[in-house]
């Protein structure tokens, strides 16, 4: 089973993909924008 988790609150937006209870991919918007505490808008 695949589970996609998305967090886009007030700060530190992130995404995570789980495949059979194992983390397959995880990332936060800060890694791409270079802005600390960035949120996807």
PDB file of N, CA and C in Angstrom:
ATOM      1  N   UNK A   1       0.830  -1.166   0.000  1.00  0.00           N
ATOM      2  CA  UNK A   1       0.000   0.000   0.000  1.00  0.00           C
ATOM      3  C   UNK A   1       0.885   1.244   0.000  1.00  0.00           C
ATOM      4  N   UNK A   2       0.526   2.226  -0.798  1.00  0.00           N
ATOM      5  CA  UNK A   2       1.247   3.492  -0.865  1.00  0.00           C
ATOM      6  C   UNK A   2       0.468   4.559  -0.107  1.00  0.00           C
ATOM      7  N   UNK A   3       1.178   5.369   0.665  1.00  0.00           N
ATOM      8  CA  UNK A   3       0.564   6.466   1.408  1.00  0.00           C
ATOM      9  C   UNK A   3       1.353   7.729   1.115  1.00  0.00           C
ATOM     10  N   UNK A   4       0.647   8.784   0.729  1.00  0.00           N
ATOM     11  CA  UNK A   4       1.267  10.073   0.466  1.00  0.00           C
ATOM     12  C   UNK A   4       0.847  11.035   1.568  1.00  0.00           C
ATOM     13  N   UNK A   5       1.824  11.564   2.303  1.00  0.00           N
ATOM     14  CA  UNK A   5       1.548  12.530   3.361  1.00  0.00           C
ATOM     15  C   UNK A   5       2.005  13.906   2.931  1.00  0.00           C
ATOM     16  N   UNK A   6       1.122  14.892   3.107  1.00  0.00           N
ATOM     17  CA  UNK A   6       1.432  16.262   2.712  1.00  0.00           C
ATOM     18  C   UNK A   6       1.170  17.183   3.896  1.00  0.00           C
ATOM     19  N   UNK A   7       2.139  18.022   4.209  1.00  0.00           N
ATOM     20  CA  UNK A   7       1.995  19.014   5.272  1.00  0.00           C
ATOM     21  C   UNK A   7       2.277  20.381   4.683  1.00  0.00           C
ATOM     22  N   UNK A   8       1.299  21.270   4.720  1.00  0.00           N
ATOM     23  CA  UNK A   8       1.500  22.624   4.197  1.00  0.00           C
ATOM     24  C   UNK A   8       0.881  23.653   5.133  1.00  0.00           C
ATOM     25  N   UNK A   9       1.240  23.567   6.398  1.00  0.00           N
ATOM     26  CA  UNK A   9       0.708  24.480   7.407  1.00  0.00           C
ATOM     27  C   UNK A   9       1.298  25.870   7.294  1.00  0.00           C
ATOM     28  N   UNK A  10       1.506  26.502   8.437  1.00  0.00           N
ATOM     29  CA  UNK A  10       2.010  27.874   8.465  1.00  0.00           C
ATOM     30  C   UNK A  10       3.492  27.963   8.130  1.00  0.00           C
ATOM     31  N   UNK A  11       4.246  26.879   8.334  1.00  0.00           N
ATOM     32  CA  UNK A  11       5.673  26.870   8.017  1.00  0.00           C
ATOM     33  C   UNK A  11       6.136  25.436   7.827  1.00  0.00           C
ATOM     34  N   UNK A  12       7.301  25.273   7.244  1.00  0.00           N
ATOM     35  CA  UNK A  12       7.929  23.958   7.051  1.00  0.00           C
ATOM     36  C   UNK A  12       7.059  22.970   6.272  1.00  0.00           C
ATOM     37  N   UNK A  13       6.640  23.343   5.077  1.00  0.00           N
ATOM     38  CA  UNK A  13       5.869  22.449   4.225  1.00  0.00           C
ATOM     39  C   UNK A  13       6.719  21.241   3.844  1.00  0.00           C
ATOM     40  N   UNK A  14       6.077  20.059   3.767  1.00  0.00           N
ATOM     41  CA  UNK A  14       6.825  18.836   3.473  1.00  0.00           C
ATOM     42  C   UNK A  14       5.916  17.800   2.819  1.00  0.00           C
ATOM     43  N   UNK A  15       6.558  16.787   2.222  1.00  0.00           N
ATOM     44  CA  UNK A  15       5.836  15.682   1.606  1.00  0.00           C
ATOM     45  C   UNK A  15       6.593  14.391   1.894  1.00  0.00           C
ATOM     46  N   UNK A  16       5.857  13.286   2.031  1.00  0.00           N
ATOM     47  CA  UNK A  16       6.472  11.995   2.324  1.00  0.00           C
ATOM     48  C   UNK A  16       5.681  10.895   1.617  1.00  0.00           C
ATOM     49  N   UNK A  17       6.371   9.955   1.008  1.00  0.00           N
ATOM     50  CA  UNK A  17       5.736   8.814   0.363  1.00  0.00           C
ATOM     51  C   UNK A  17       6.165   7.544   1.080  1.00  0.00           C
ATOM     52  N   UNK A  18       5.196   6.784   1.578  1.00  0.00           N
ATOM     53  CA  UNK A  18       5.458   5.514   2.255  1.00  0.00           C
ATOM     54  C   UNK A  18       5.032   4.370   1.352  1.00  0.00           C
ATOM     55  N   UNK A  19       5.850   3.336   1.277  1.00  0.00           N
ATOM     56  CA  UNK A  19       5.510   2.110   0.558  1.00  0.00           C
ATOM     57  C   UNK A  19       5.641   0.955   1.528  1.00  0.00           C
ATOM     58  N   UNK A  20       4.525   0.347   1.878  1.00  0.00           N
ATOM     59  CA  UNK A  20       4.504  -0.787   2.808  1.00  0.00           C
ATOM     60  C   UNK A  20       5.252  -0.478   4.100  1.00  0.00           C
ATOM     61  N   UNK A  21       4.903   0.610   4.756  1.00  0.00           N
ATOM     62  CA  UNK A  21       5.445   1.074   6.043  1.00  0.00           C
ATOM     63  C   UNK A  21       6.903   1.523   5.989  1.00  0.00           C
ATOM     64  N   UNK A  22       7.497   1.647   4.821  1.00  0.00           N
ATOM     65  CA  UNK A  22       8.872   2.141   4.700  1.00  0.00           C
ATOM     66  C   UNK A  22       8.863   3.473   3.961  1.00  0.00           C
ATOM     67  N   UNK A  23       9.702   4.400   4.421  1.00  0.00           N
ATOM     68  CA  UNK A  23       9.781   5.708   3.772  1.00  0.00           C
ATOM     69  C   UNK A  23      10.501   5.558   2.436  1.00  0.00           C
ATOM     70  N   UNK A  24       9.794   5.883   1.344  1.00  0.00           N
ATOM     71  CA  UNK A  24      10.359   5.790   0.007  1.00  0.00           C
ATOM     72  C   UNK A  24      10.945   7.139  -0.414  1.00  0.00           C
ATOM     73  N   UNK A  25      10.269   8.221  -0.034  1.00  0.00           N
ATOM     74  CA  UNK A  25      10.724   9.562  -0.385  1.00  0.00           C
ATOM     75  C   UNK A  25      10.198  10.553   0.651  1.00  0.00           C
ATOM     76  N   UNK A  26      11.014  11.504   1.044  1.00  0.00           N
ATOM     77  CA  UNK A  26      10.592  12.581   1.946  1.00  0.00           C
ATOM     78  C   UNK A  26      11.384  13.835   1.614  1.00  0.00           C
ATOM     79  N   UNK A  27      10.706  14.981   1.639  1.00  0.00           N
ATOM     80  CA  UNK A  27      11.383  16.229   1.325  1.00  0.00           C
ATOM     81  C   UNK A  27      10.595  17.400   1.897  1.00  0.00           C
ATOM     82  N   UNK A  28      11.289  18.516   2.089  1.00  0.00           N
ATOM     83  CA  UNK A  28      10.622  19.738   2.530  1.00  0.00           C
ATOM     84  C   UNK A  28      10.920  20.856   1.535  1.00  0.00           C
ATOM     85  N   UNK A  29      10.029  21.831   1.476  1.00  0.00           N
ATOM     86  CA  UNK A  29      10.186  22.915   0.497  1.00  0.00           C
ATOM     87  C   UNK A  29      11.440  23.746   0.759  1.00  0.00           C
ATOM     88  N   UNK A  30      11.890  23.778   2.003  1.00  0.00           N
ATOM     89  CA  UNK A  30      13.091  24.547   2.361  1.00  0.00           C
ATOM     90  C   UNK A  30      14.321  24.085   1.577  1.00  0.00           C
ATOM     91  N   UNK A  31      14.396  22.802   1.255  1.00  0.00           N
ATOM     92  CA  UNK A  31      15.549  22.265   0.525  1.00  0.00           C
ATOM     93  C   UNK A  31      15.620  22.816  -0.898  1.00  0.00           C
ATOM     94  N   UNK A  32      14.483  23.164  -1.481  1.00  0.00           N
ATOM     95  CA  UNK A  32      14.456  23.652  -2.862  1.00  0.00           C
ATOM     96  C   UNK A  32      14.487  25.176  -2.952  1.00  0.00           C
ATOM     97  N   UNK A  33      13.862  25.852  -1.998  1.00  0.00           N
ATOM     98  CA  UNK A  33      13.789  27.312  -2.059  1.00  0.00           C
ATOM     99  C   UNK A  33      14.967  27.998  -1.380  1.00  0.00           C
ATOM    100  N   UNK A  34      15.564  27.326  -0.377  1.00  0.00           N
ATOM    101  CA  UNK A  34      16.649  27.937   0.376  1.00  0.00           C
ATOM    102  C   UNK A  34      16.176  28.923   1.436  1.00  0.00           C
ATOM    103  N   UNK A  35      14.852  29.010   1.629  1.00  0.00           N
ATOM    104  CA  UNK A  35      14.271  29.917   2.613  1.00  0.00           C
ATOM    105  C   UNK A  35      13.902  29.125   3.863  1.00  0.00           C
ATOM    106  N   UNK A  36      14.488  29.485   5.012  1.00  0.00           N
ATOM    107  CA  UNK A  36      14.231  28.760   6.246  1.00  0.00           C
ATOM    108  C   UNK A  36      12.756  28.864   6.630  1.00  0.00           C
ATOM    109  N   UNK A  37      12.136  27.716   6.963  1.00  0.00           N
ATOM    110  CA  UNK A  37      10.734  27.688   7.363  1.00  0.00           C
ATOM    111  C   UNK A  37       9.780  27.975   6.217  1.00  0.00           C
ATOM    112  N   UNK A  38      10.205  27.727   4.981  1.00  0.00           N
ATOM    113  CA  UNK A  38       9.403  28.036   3.796  1.00  0.00           C
ATOM    114  C   UNK A  38       8.111  27.232   3.767  1.00  0.00           C
ATOM    115  N   UNK A  39       7.095  27.812   3.164  1.00  0.00           N
ATOM    116  CA  UNK A  39       5.838  27.100   2.944  1.00  0.00           C
ATOM    117  C   UNK A  39       5.497  27.178   1.463  1.00  0.00           C
ATOM    118  N   UNK A  40       4.812  26.168   0.971  1.00  0.00           N
ATOM    119  CA  UNK A  40       4.407  26.160  -0.440  1.00  0.00           C
ATOM    120  C   UNK A  40       3.190  27.030  -0.589  1.00  0.00           C
ATOM    121  N   UNK A  41       3.295  28.032  -1.450  1.00  0.00           N
ATOM    122  CA  UNK A  41       2.143  28.902  -1.689  1.00  0.00           C
ATOM    123  C   UNK A  41       1.898  29.026  -3.159  1.00  0.00           C
TER     124      UNK A  41
END
